[in-house]
N, C-alpha and C. Protein backbone atom coordinates (compact mmCIF):
# COMPACT_ATOMS: atom_id res chain seq x y z
N MET A 1 150.25 12.03 27.24
CA MET A 1 151.07 13.12 26.72
C MET A 1 150.37 13.75 25.52
N SER A 2 150.65 15.04 25.27
CA SER A 2 150.07 15.72 24.14
C SER A 2 150.60 15.13 22.85
N GLY A 3 149.93 15.41 21.75
CA GLY A 3 150.36 14.90 20.46
C GLY A 3 151.64 15.53 19.98
N ASP A 4 152.20 14.94 18.91
CA ASP A 4 153.47 15.43 18.39
C ASP A 4 153.37 16.86 17.92
N ARG A 5 152.18 17.28 17.46
CA ARG A 5 152.02 18.64 16.96
C ARG A 5 152.35 19.67 18.04
N GLU A 6 151.90 19.41 19.26
CA GLU A 6 152.12 20.37 20.32
C GLU A 6 153.57 20.37 20.82
N LEU A 7 154.24 19.20 20.73
CA LEU A 7 155.56 19.07 21.32
C LEU A 7 156.68 19.25 20.32
N ALA A 8 156.36 19.29 19.03
CA ALA A 8 157.40 19.40 18.02
C ALA A 8 158.12 20.74 18.11
N GLY A 9 159.44 20.69 17.93
CA GLY A 9 160.22 21.92 17.80
C GLY A 9 160.75 22.49 19.09
N TRP A 10 160.42 21.92 20.23
CA TRP A 10 160.97 22.44 21.49
C TRP A 10 161.19 21.30 22.45
N ARG A 11 162.16 21.49 23.35
CA ARG A 11 162.45 20.48 24.36
C ARG A 11 162.34 21.05 25.77
N VAL A 12 162.60 22.34 25.92
CA VAL A 12 162.55 22.97 27.24
C VAL A 12 161.85 24.32 27.11
N LEU A 13 160.92 24.58 28.00
CA LEU A 13 160.29 25.89 28.13
C LEU A 13 160.70 26.46 29.48
N LEU A 14 161.37 27.61 29.45
CA LEU A 14 161.85 28.27 30.66
C LEU A 14 160.95 29.46 30.97
N ILE A 15 160.45 29.53 32.20
CA ILE A 15 159.62 30.65 32.64
C ILE A 15 160.33 31.31 33.81
N GLY A 16 160.94 32.45 33.55
CA GLY A 16 161.68 33.16 34.58
C GLY A 16 160.99 34.46 34.95
N GLY A 17 161.61 35.19 35.87
CA GLY A 17 161.08 36.50 36.22
C GLY A 17 160.96 36.74 37.69
N ALA A 18 160.31 37.83 38.01
CA ALA A 18 160.24 38.34 39.37
C ALA A 18 159.52 37.39 40.31
N SER A 19 159.84 37.52 41.58
CA SER A 19 159.20 36.73 42.61
C SER A 19 157.72 37.05 42.69
N ALA A 20 156.90 36.01 42.99
CA ALA A 20 155.46 36.17 43.20
C ALA A 20 154.74 36.75 41.99
N ALA A 21 155.28 36.46 40.78
CA ALA A 21 154.66 36.98 39.56
C ALA A 21 153.67 36.00 38.95
N GLY A 22 153.49 34.85 39.58
CA GLY A 22 152.55 33.87 39.06
C GLY A 22 153.18 32.82 38.16
N LYS A 23 154.50 32.70 38.20
CA LYS A 23 155.20 31.74 37.33
C LYS A 23 154.82 30.30 37.66
N THR A 24 154.77 29.97 38.95
CA THR A 24 154.49 28.59 39.34
C THR A 24 153.10 28.17 38.92
N THR A 25 152.13 29.04 39.14
CA THR A 25 150.75 28.72 38.75
C THR A 25 150.64 28.55 37.24
N ALA A 26 151.28 29.45 36.49
CA ALA A 26 151.22 29.36 35.03
C ALA A 26 151.92 28.10 34.54
N ALA A 27 153.09 27.78 35.12
CA ALA A 27 153.84 26.60 34.70
C ALA A 27 153.05 25.33 34.99
N ARG A 28 152.39 25.29 36.14
CA ARG A 28 151.60 24.11 36.50
C ARG A 28 150.46 23.91 35.50
N GLU A 29 149.80 25.00 35.14
CA GLU A 29 148.70 24.88 34.17
C GLU A 29 149.23 24.44 32.80
N LEU A 30 150.35 25.02 32.37
CA LEU A 30 150.90 24.66 31.07
C LEU A 30 151.40 23.22 31.05
N GLY A 31 151.99 22.77 32.16
CA GLY A 31 152.42 21.39 32.25
C GLY A 31 151.26 20.43 32.06
N GLY A 32 150.12 20.77 32.68
CA GLY A 32 148.94 19.94 32.52
C GLY A 32 148.41 19.95 31.09
N ARG A 33 148.41 21.11 30.47
CA ARG A 33 147.91 21.21 29.10
C ARG A 33 148.79 20.43 28.12
N LEU A 34 150.11 20.57 28.29
CA LEU A 34 151.05 19.97 27.35
C LEU A 34 151.41 18.54 27.71
N GLY A 35 151.05 18.11 28.91
CA GLY A 35 151.35 16.76 29.33
C GLY A 35 152.82 16.54 29.60
N VAL A 36 153.51 17.57 30.13
CA VAL A 36 154.94 17.44 30.43
C VAL A 36 155.19 17.79 31.89
N SER A 37 156.36 17.41 32.38
CA SER A 37 156.72 17.67 33.77
C SER A 37 157.15 19.12 33.96
N VAL A 38 157.05 19.58 35.20
CA VAL A 38 157.49 20.92 35.58
C VAL A 38 158.56 20.81 36.66
N LEU A 39 159.69 21.45 36.44
CA LEU A 39 160.76 21.52 37.43
C LEU A 39 160.77 22.92 38.03
N VAL A 40 160.72 22.99 39.35
CA VAL A 40 160.79 24.27 40.04
C VAL A 40 162.25 24.55 40.39
N ALA A 41 162.79 25.64 39.86
CA ALA A 41 164.21 25.94 40.06
C ALA A 41 164.55 26.12 41.54
N ASP A 42 163.58 26.54 42.34
CA ASP A 42 163.81 26.67 43.78
C ASP A 42 164.19 25.32 44.40
N ASP A 43 163.64 24.23 43.87
CA ASP A 43 164.01 22.90 44.38
C ASP A 43 165.48 22.62 44.11
N LEU A 44 165.93 23.00 42.93
CA LEU A 44 167.33 22.81 42.59
C LEU A 44 168.23 23.68 43.48
N ARG A 45 167.78 24.92 43.72
CA ARG A 45 168.56 25.80 44.60
C ARG A 45 168.68 25.20 46.00
N LEU A 46 167.58 24.68 46.54
CA LEU A 46 167.61 24.08 47.87
C LEU A 46 168.56 22.88 47.92
N ALA A 47 168.55 22.07 46.85
CA ALA A 47 169.45 20.93 46.80
C ALA A 47 170.90 21.40 46.76
N MET A 48 171.17 22.45 46.01
CA MET A 48 172.53 22.98 45.93
C MET A 48 172.98 23.52 47.28
N GLN A 49 172.08 24.21 47.97
CA GLN A 49 172.44 24.76 49.28
C GLN A 49 172.74 23.65 50.28
N ARG A 50 172.05 22.51 50.13
CA ARG A 50 172.32 21.38 51.01
C ARG A 50 173.64 20.70 50.65
N ALA A 51 173.92 20.62 49.35
CA ALA A 51 175.07 19.83 48.90
C ALA A 51 176.38 20.62 48.87
N VAL A 52 176.29 21.93 48.65
CA VAL A 52 177.50 22.74 48.48
C VAL A 52 177.77 23.50 49.77
N PRO A 53 178.94 23.31 50.40
CA PRO A 53 179.24 24.00 51.66
C PRO A 53 179.30 25.51 51.47
N GLU A 54 178.94 26.22 52.53
CA GLU A 54 178.95 27.68 52.46
C GLU A 54 180.34 28.21 52.13
N ALA A 55 181.39 27.57 52.64
CA ALA A 55 182.75 28.03 52.38
C ALA A 55 183.09 27.96 50.89
N ALA A 56 182.46 27.01 50.20
CA ALA A 56 182.74 26.84 48.77
C ALA A 56 181.93 27.80 47.90
N ALA A 57 180.77 28.23 48.39
CA ALA A 57 179.91 29.10 47.60
C ALA A 57 179.11 30.01 48.53
N PRO A 58 179.76 30.99 49.15
CA PRO A 58 179.05 31.86 50.10
C PRO A 58 177.88 32.60 49.47
N GLU A 59 177.98 32.91 48.16
CA GLU A 59 176.89 33.64 47.50
C GLU A 59 175.62 32.81 47.44
N LEU A 60 175.77 31.50 47.43
CA LEU A 60 174.61 30.62 47.37
C LEU A 60 173.86 30.59 48.70
N HIS A 61 174.56 30.90 49.79
CA HIS A 61 174.01 30.79 51.13
C HIS A 61 173.62 32.14 51.75
N ALA A 62 173.91 33.24 51.06
CA ALA A 62 173.69 34.56 51.65
C ALA A 62 172.24 34.79 52.04
N MET A 63 171.31 34.25 51.25
CA MET A 63 169.89 34.48 51.52
C MET A 63 169.39 33.68 52.71
N LEU A 64 170.18 32.74 53.19
CA LEU A 64 169.76 31.92 54.33
C LEU A 64 169.95 32.63 55.67
N ASP A 65 170.76 33.67 55.67
CA ASP A 65 171.03 34.41 56.90
C ASP A 65 169.99 35.52 57.06
N LEU A 66 168.97 35.24 57.86
CA LEU A 66 167.87 36.20 58.01
C LEU A 66 168.30 37.48 58.72
N ASN A 67 169.47 37.46 59.33
CA ASN A 67 170.00 38.67 59.98
C ASN A 67 171.03 39.37 59.10
N GLY A 68 171.26 38.83 57.90
CA GLY A 68 172.27 39.40 57.02
C GLY A 68 171.79 40.64 56.30
N ASP A 69 172.72 41.29 55.62
CA ASP A 69 172.44 42.55 54.95
C ASP A 69 171.40 42.39 53.85
N ALA A 70 171.37 41.20 53.22
CA ALA A 70 170.43 40.98 52.12
C ALA A 70 168.98 41.04 52.57
N TRP A 71 168.73 40.92 53.86
CA TRP A 71 167.36 40.99 54.37
C TRP A 71 167.02 42.35 54.96
N ARG A 72 167.99 43.29 54.93
CA ARG A 72 167.74 44.61 55.50
C ARG A 72 167.86 45.73 54.49
N ASN A 73 168.48 45.45 53.35
CA ASN A 73 168.80 46.49 52.38
C ASN A 73 168.34 46.04 51.00
N ALA A 74 167.57 46.89 50.32
CA ALA A 74 166.97 46.51 49.04
C ALA A 74 168.02 46.19 47.98
N ASP A 75 169.06 47.03 47.88
CA ASP A 75 170.08 46.79 46.87
C ASP A 75 170.87 45.52 47.18
N ALA A 76 171.15 45.29 48.45
CA ALA A 76 171.85 44.06 48.83
C ALA A 76 170.99 42.84 48.54
N HIS A 77 169.69 42.97 48.74
CA HIS A 77 168.77 41.88 48.45
C HIS A 77 168.78 41.57 46.95
N ARG A 78 168.70 42.62 46.12
CA ARG A 78 168.77 42.42 44.68
C ARG A 78 170.09 41.75 44.27
N ASP A 79 171.21 42.24 44.81
CA ASP A 79 172.51 41.69 44.44
C ASP A 79 172.66 40.23 44.88
N ALA A 80 172.08 39.90 46.03
CA ALA A 80 172.13 38.51 46.49
C ALA A 80 171.31 37.61 45.58
N LEU A 81 170.17 38.09 45.13
CA LEU A 81 169.34 37.32 44.20
C LEU A 81 170.07 37.10 42.87
N ILE A 82 170.77 38.10 42.41
CA ILE A 82 171.54 37.97 41.16
C ILE A 82 172.63 36.92 41.33
N ALA A 83 173.34 36.96 42.45
CA ALA A 83 174.42 36.00 42.69
C ALA A 83 173.89 34.57 42.75
N VAL A 84 172.76 34.38 43.43
CA VAL A 84 172.15 33.05 43.50
C VAL A 84 171.73 32.59 42.10
N ALA A 85 171.16 33.49 41.32
CA ALA A 85 170.71 33.14 39.97
C ALA A 85 171.87 32.69 39.10
N ARG A 86 172.99 33.35 39.21
CA ARG A 86 174.15 32.97 38.41
C ARG A 86 174.63 31.57 38.79
N PHE A 87 174.56 31.26 40.06
CA PHE A 87 174.98 29.93 40.52
C PHE A 87 174.00 28.85 40.06
N VAL A 88 172.72 29.10 40.28
CA VAL A 88 171.70 28.10 39.93
C VAL A 88 171.64 27.89 38.42
N THR A 89 171.83 28.97 37.66
CA THR A 89 171.77 28.85 36.20
C THR A 89 172.80 27.87 35.67
N GLU A 90 173.96 27.76 36.34
CA GLU A 90 174.96 26.78 35.93
C GLU A 90 174.39 25.37 36.00
N GLY A 91 173.67 25.08 37.08
CA GLY A 91 173.06 23.77 37.22
C GLY A 91 171.94 23.53 36.22
N VAL A 92 171.12 24.56 36.00
CA VAL A 92 170.01 24.42 35.06
C VAL A 92 170.54 24.22 33.64
N THR A 93 171.70 24.82 33.32
CA THR A 93 172.29 24.64 32.00
C THR A 93 172.51 23.18 31.69
N ALA A 94 172.98 22.41 32.67
CA ALA A 94 173.21 20.97 32.46
C ALA A 94 171.90 20.25 32.15
N ILE A 95 170.83 20.63 32.84
CA ILE A 95 169.52 20.01 32.60
C ILE A 95 169.02 20.34 31.20
N VAL A 96 169.14 21.61 30.81
CA VAL A 96 168.71 22.03 29.48
C VAL A 96 169.49 21.28 28.41
N GLU A 97 170.79 21.21 28.56
CA GLU A 97 171.62 20.53 27.55
C GLU A 97 171.26 19.05 27.45
N ASN A 98 170.95 18.43 28.57
CA ASN A 98 170.56 17.02 28.56
C ASN A 98 169.29 16.81 27.75
N HIS A 99 168.31 17.70 27.93
CA HIS A 99 167.06 17.56 27.21
C HIS A 99 167.20 17.89 25.74
N VAL A 100 168.13 18.78 25.40
CA VAL A 100 168.35 19.12 24.00
C VAL A 100 169.12 18.01 23.29
N GLN A 101 170.16 17.50 23.94
CA GLN A 101 171.03 16.50 23.30
C GLN A 101 170.35 15.15 23.17
N ARG A 102 169.55 14.78 24.16
CA ARG A 102 168.88 13.47 24.13
C ARG A 102 167.47 13.63 23.56
N LEU A 103 167.44 14.15 22.35
CA LEU A 103 166.19 14.56 21.72
C LEU A 103 165.15 13.46 21.68
N ALA A 104 165.57 12.26 21.30
CA ALA A 104 164.61 11.18 21.10
C ALA A 104 164.29 10.42 22.39
N GLU A 105 165.06 10.66 23.44
CA GLU A 105 164.92 9.86 24.66
C GLU A 105 164.19 10.58 25.79
N VAL A 106 164.31 11.89 25.84
CA VAL A 106 163.82 12.65 26.98
C VAL A 106 162.64 13.50 26.57
N THR A 107 161.56 13.44 27.33
CA THR A 107 160.38 14.24 27.00
C THR A 107 160.63 15.71 27.31
N PRO A 108 159.88 16.60 26.67
CA PRO A 108 160.02 18.03 26.96
C PRO A 108 159.77 18.35 28.43
N LEU A 109 160.25 19.50 28.84
CA LEU A 109 160.22 19.88 30.26
C LEU A 109 159.97 21.38 30.37
N ILE A 110 159.18 21.76 31.37
CA ILE A 110 159.03 23.17 31.74
C ILE A 110 159.84 23.41 33.01
N ILE A 111 160.65 24.45 33.01
CA ILE A 111 161.40 24.85 34.21
C ILE A 111 160.99 26.27 34.55
N GLU A 112 160.60 26.49 35.79
CA GLU A 112 160.20 27.85 36.20
C GLU A 112 160.93 28.25 37.46
N GLY A 113 161.19 29.55 37.60
CA GLY A 113 161.81 30.02 38.83
C GLY A 113 162.40 31.42 38.70
N ASP A 114 162.67 32.01 39.86
CA ASP A 114 163.25 33.36 39.91
C ASP A 114 164.69 33.37 39.41
N SER A 115 165.38 32.23 39.53
CA SER A 115 166.83 32.22 39.31
C SER A 115 167.23 31.68 37.95
N LEU A 116 166.39 31.91 36.94
CA LEU A 116 166.70 31.51 35.58
C LEU A 116 167.16 32.74 34.79
N LEU A 117 168.37 32.69 34.28
CA LEU A 117 168.91 33.82 33.53
C LEU A 117 168.72 33.60 32.03
N PRO A 118 168.52 34.67 31.26
CA PRO A 118 168.14 34.55 29.85
C PRO A 118 169.18 33.88 28.96
N GLU A 119 170.44 33.85 29.39
CA GLU A 119 171.44 33.18 28.54
C GLU A 119 171.18 31.69 28.40
N LEU A 120 170.32 31.14 29.23
CA LEU A 120 169.96 29.72 29.10
C LEU A 120 169.36 29.40 27.74
N ALA A 121 168.74 30.38 27.11
CA ALA A 121 168.09 30.15 25.82
C ALA A 121 168.96 30.52 24.64
N ASP A 122 170.15 31.05 24.86
CA ASP A 122 171.00 31.53 23.78
C ASP A 122 171.37 30.41 22.81
N GLY A 123 171.09 30.64 21.54
CA GLY A 123 171.55 29.76 20.49
C GLY A 123 170.93 28.38 20.48
N ARG A 124 169.83 28.19 21.15
CA ARG A 124 169.19 26.87 21.20
C ARG A 124 167.75 27.00 20.68
N SER A 125 167.52 26.54 19.47
CA SER A 125 166.19 26.65 18.91
C SER A 125 165.19 25.76 19.64
N GLU A 126 165.70 24.71 20.33
CA GLU A 126 164.81 23.81 21.05
C GLU A 126 164.40 24.34 22.42
N VAL A 127 164.98 25.47 22.80
CA VAL A 127 164.70 26.05 24.12
C VAL A 127 163.90 27.34 23.93
N ARG A 128 162.73 27.38 24.53
CA ARG A 128 161.90 28.58 24.50
C ARG A 128 161.94 29.21 25.89
N MET A 129 161.95 30.54 25.93
CA MET A 129 162.01 31.21 27.23
C MET A 129 161.17 32.48 27.21
N VAL A 130 160.61 32.77 28.37
CA VAL A 130 159.88 34.01 28.57
C VAL A 130 160.20 34.51 29.96
N MET A 131 160.30 35.83 30.09
CA MET A 131 160.55 36.45 31.38
C MET A 131 159.29 37.21 31.80
N ILE A 132 158.87 37.00 33.05
CA ILE A 132 157.64 37.62 33.55
C ILE A 132 158.00 38.81 34.44
N GLU A 133 157.46 39.97 34.11
CA GLU A 133 157.62 41.15 34.94
C GLU A 133 156.52 41.17 35.99
N GLY A 134 156.91 41.39 37.24
CA GLY A 134 155.96 41.34 38.33
C GLY A 134 155.29 42.66 38.62
N ASP A 135 154.69 42.72 39.81
CA ASP A 135 153.95 43.90 40.23
C ASP A 135 154.88 44.97 40.76
N ASP A 136 154.29 46.14 41.07
CA ASP A 136 155.07 47.17 41.73
C ASP A 136 155.28 46.78 43.20
N GLU A 137 156.04 47.58 43.92
CA GLU A 137 156.45 47.19 45.28
C GLU A 137 155.28 46.94 46.23
N PRO A 138 154.29 47.84 46.34
CA PRO A 138 153.18 47.56 47.27
C PRO A 138 152.41 46.30 46.91
N ALA A 139 152.13 46.11 45.61
CA ALA A 139 151.38 44.93 45.19
C ALA A 139 152.19 43.66 45.41
N LEU A 140 153.49 43.73 45.14
CA LEU A 140 154.34 42.56 45.35
C LEU A 140 154.42 42.20 46.82
N ARG A 141 154.53 43.20 47.67
CA ARG A 141 154.59 42.94 49.11
C ARG A 141 153.31 42.24 49.57
N GLN A 142 152.16 42.69 49.05
CA GLN A 142 150.90 42.06 49.43
C GLN A 142 150.84 40.62 48.95
N ARG A 143 151.30 40.36 47.71
CA ARG A 143 151.31 39.00 47.19
C ARG A 143 152.24 38.10 47.99
N MET A 144 153.37 38.64 48.43
CA MET A 144 154.31 37.88 49.25
C MET A 144 153.69 37.54 50.60
N LEU A 145 152.95 38.48 51.17
CA LEU A 145 152.27 38.23 52.44
C LEU A 145 151.23 37.12 52.26
N GLU A 146 150.49 37.18 51.17
CA GLU A 146 149.45 36.18 50.93
C GLU A 146 150.06 34.81 50.67
N ARG A 147 151.22 34.79 50.04
CA ARG A 147 151.87 33.53 49.72
C ARG A 147 152.47 32.87 50.96
N GLY A 148 152.87 33.69 51.92
CA GLY A 148 153.46 33.15 53.15
C GLY A 148 154.93 32.85 53.00
N ARG A 149 155.34 31.61 53.28
CA ARG A 149 156.74 31.15 53.19
C ARG A 149 157.65 31.90 54.15
N GLY A 150 157.08 32.36 55.28
CA GLY A 150 157.87 33.04 56.29
C GLY A 150 157.98 34.53 56.11
N PHE A 151 157.51 35.05 54.97
CA PHE A 151 157.61 36.49 54.73
C PHE A 151 156.82 37.28 55.77
N GLU A 152 155.68 36.72 56.19
CA GLU A 152 154.82 37.42 57.14
C GLU A 152 155.47 37.56 58.51
N SER A 153 156.49 36.74 58.81
CA SER A 153 157.15 36.81 60.11
C SER A 153 158.27 37.84 60.15
N LEU A 154 158.62 38.41 59.01
CA LEU A 154 159.66 39.43 58.97
C LEU A 154 159.13 40.74 59.54
N SER A 155 160.03 41.58 60.00
CA SER A 155 159.64 42.91 60.45
C SER A 155 159.13 43.71 59.25
N SER A 156 158.40 44.77 59.54
CA SER A 156 157.87 45.61 58.47
C SER A 156 158.99 46.18 57.62
N ALA A 157 160.09 46.58 58.27
CA ALA A 157 161.22 47.14 57.52
C ALA A 157 161.86 46.09 56.61
N ALA A 158 161.97 44.87 57.11
CA ALA A 158 162.55 43.79 56.30
C ALA A 158 161.63 43.43 55.15
N GLN A 159 160.32 43.43 55.39
CA GLN A 159 159.37 43.16 54.31
C GLN A 159 159.51 44.20 53.21
N GLN A 160 159.62 45.46 53.62
CA GLN A 160 159.74 46.53 52.63
C GLN A 160 161.05 46.40 51.84
N ALA A 161 162.15 46.10 52.53
CA ALA A 161 163.44 45.95 51.86
C ALA A 161 163.41 44.78 50.89
N ASN A 162 162.78 43.67 51.31
CA ASN A 162 162.72 42.49 50.45
C ASN A 162 161.85 42.74 49.23
N ALA A 163 160.71 43.38 49.41
CA ALA A 163 159.84 43.66 48.27
C ALA A 163 160.53 44.62 47.30
N ALA A 164 161.17 45.64 47.85
CA ALA A 164 161.88 46.60 46.99
C ALA A 164 163.03 45.92 46.26
N GLY A 165 163.77 45.05 46.97
CA GLY A 165 164.87 44.34 46.33
C GLY A 165 164.38 43.40 45.25
N ALA A 166 163.25 42.74 45.49
CA ALA A 166 162.69 41.82 44.50
C ALA A 166 162.23 42.57 43.26
N VAL A 167 161.66 43.76 43.43
CA VAL A 167 161.25 44.58 42.29
C VAL A 167 162.47 44.99 41.48
N ARG A 168 163.54 45.38 42.15
CA ARG A 168 164.76 45.79 41.45
C ARG A 168 165.39 44.60 40.74
N TYR A 169 165.34 43.44 41.36
CA TYR A 169 165.84 42.23 40.72
C TYR A 169 165.01 41.89 39.48
N GLY A 170 163.70 42.00 39.60
CA GLY A 170 162.83 41.74 38.47
C GLY A 170 163.11 42.68 37.30
N ALA A 171 163.37 43.97 37.62
CA ALA A 171 163.71 44.93 36.57
C ALA A 171 165.03 44.58 35.91
N TRP A 172 166.00 44.12 36.72
CA TRP A 172 167.30 43.69 36.18
C TRP A 172 167.11 42.49 35.26
N LEU A 173 166.30 41.52 35.68
CA LEU A 173 166.04 40.36 34.85
C LEU A 173 165.40 40.76 33.52
N ALA A 174 164.45 41.67 33.57
CA ALA A 174 163.78 42.10 32.35
C ALA A 174 164.76 42.77 31.40
N ASP A 175 165.66 43.60 31.95
CA ASP A 175 166.68 44.24 31.11
C ASP A 175 167.60 43.20 30.48
N GLN A 176 168.00 42.20 31.28
CA GLN A 176 168.85 41.13 30.76
C GLN A 176 168.12 40.35 29.67
N ALA A 177 166.84 40.10 29.87
CA ALA A 177 166.06 39.36 28.88
C ALA A 177 166.03 40.10 27.55
N ARG A 178 165.79 41.39 27.60
CA ARG A 178 165.73 42.17 26.36
C ARG A 178 167.08 42.17 25.65
N GLU A 179 168.16 42.18 26.39
CA GLU A 179 169.49 42.12 25.78
C GLU A 179 169.71 40.79 25.06
N HIS A 180 169.08 39.74 25.55
CA HIS A 180 169.23 38.41 24.96
C HIS A 180 168.07 38.05 24.03
N ALA A 181 167.25 39.03 23.69
CA ALA A 181 166.11 38.82 22.80
C ALA A 181 165.12 37.79 23.34
N VAL A 182 164.99 37.74 24.66
CA VAL A 182 163.99 36.90 25.31
C VAL A 182 162.75 37.75 25.57
N PRO A 183 161.57 37.31 25.16
CA PRO A 183 160.37 38.12 25.36
C PRO A 183 160.05 38.34 26.83
N VAL A 184 159.52 39.52 27.11
CA VAL A 184 159.15 39.89 28.47
C VAL A 184 157.64 40.15 28.50
N LEU A 185 156.96 39.51 29.45
CA LEU A 185 155.52 39.67 29.60
C LEU A 185 155.20 40.26 30.96
N SER A 186 154.16 41.08 31.00
CA SER A 186 153.63 41.54 32.28
C SER A 186 152.88 40.39 32.95
N ALA A 187 153.02 40.29 34.26
CA ALA A 187 152.32 39.23 34.99
C ALA A 187 150.80 39.41 34.92
N ALA A 188 150.36 40.65 34.92
CA ALA A 188 148.92 40.92 34.89
C ALA A 188 148.44 41.11 33.45
N PRO A 189 147.23 40.64 33.17
CA PRO A 189 146.32 39.91 34.06
C PRO A 189 146.75 38.45 34.22
N HIS A 190 146.72 37.99 35.47
CA HIS A 190 147.26 36.68 35.79
C HIS A 190 146.47 35.54 35.14
N ASP A 191 145.16 35.72 34.97
CA ASP A 191 144.37 34.61 34.44
C ASP A 191 144.69 34.31 32.97
N SER A 192 145.24 35.28 32.25
CA SER A 192 145.58 35.04 30.85
C SER A 192 147.06 34.73 30.64
N LEU A 193 147.83 34.67 31.72
CA LEU A 193 149.27 34.50 31.60
C LEU A 193 149.66 33.21 30.86
N PRO A 194 149.07 32.05 31.18
CA PRO A 194 149.46 30.84 30.44
C PRO A 194 149.27 30.96 28.93
N ASP A 195 148.14 31.51 28.50
CA ASP A 195 147.89 31.66 27.06
C ASP A 195 148.87 32.66 26.45
N ARG A 196 149.18 33.72 27.16
CA ARG A 196 150.12 34.72 26.63
C ARG A 196 151.52 34.13 26.52
N ILE A 197 151.90 33.26 27.46
CA ILE A 197 153.20 32.60 27.38
C ILE A 197 153.28 31.74 26.13
N LEU A 198 152.26 30.91 25.90
CA LEU A 198 152.25 30.05 24.72
C LEU A 198 152.36 30.87 23.44
N ASP A 199 151.63 31.97 23.40
CA ASP A 199 151.62 32.81 22.20
C ASP A 199 152.99 33.42 21.94
N VAL A 200 153.64 33.95 22.98
CA VAL A 200 154.88 34.69 22.75
C VAL A 200 156.06 33.76 22.45
N VAL A 201 156.00 32.49 22.91
CA VAL A 201 157.09 31.57 22.61
C VAL A 201 156.78 30.71 21.38
N GLY A 202 155.62 30.92 20.77
CA GLY A 202 155.31 30.24 19.52
C GLY A 202 154.81 28.83 19.66
N LEU A 203 154.15 28.53 20.79
CA LEU A 203 153.53 27.22 20.98
C LEU A 203 152.02 27.36 20.84
N PRO A 204 151.34 26.32 20.34
CA PRO A 204 149.90 26.42 20.11
C PRO A 204 149.12 26.50 21.41
N ALA A 205 148.10 27.34 21.45
CA ALA A 205 147.21 27.41 22.61
C ALA A 205 146.35 26.14 22.62
N LEU A 206 146.32 25.49 23.79
CA LEU A 206 145.58 24.23 23.90
C LEU A 206 144.36 24.39 24.78
């Protein structure tokens, strides 16, 4: 683990923002530098979708229906992403509070994902957060194709709707971040993103 100098003053680093903006890669590099674990919020979302019945939380399951409106309409896609984020953020809040309250027992943690809302950092000096703004629609669509995860199997119209919806969701997240005084960073240039994250949240570059 890194020395006390690097870990002092924070317990959780949250990296949120648009899809395919390079959050996972940056979080993985920072976790290695700081010697702390990384939690991917998508893993928590998948667990919630498995554990919570659709009847109890339809908004959590809307993105699973590949024939649903959220996969054909950009605004519906954005709204579905917002609804999922609000649900997942409730679960992440419990994790953040656990790491803050159990200061001497629990090591610091990095959490990254699309579904992290800026209110997670409100009023907690031990929680640092940054929101990453992604690419424009054509560039994001290309990054999604390169990343895979089934995006390449969608129709061209669905790909366009999803990329446009993701861009609109990313813009909404950035606006929310600014309202909560959470710093917003451009994803590009991607190779400097980890260092820029450390700088903007006030952690030493390692």
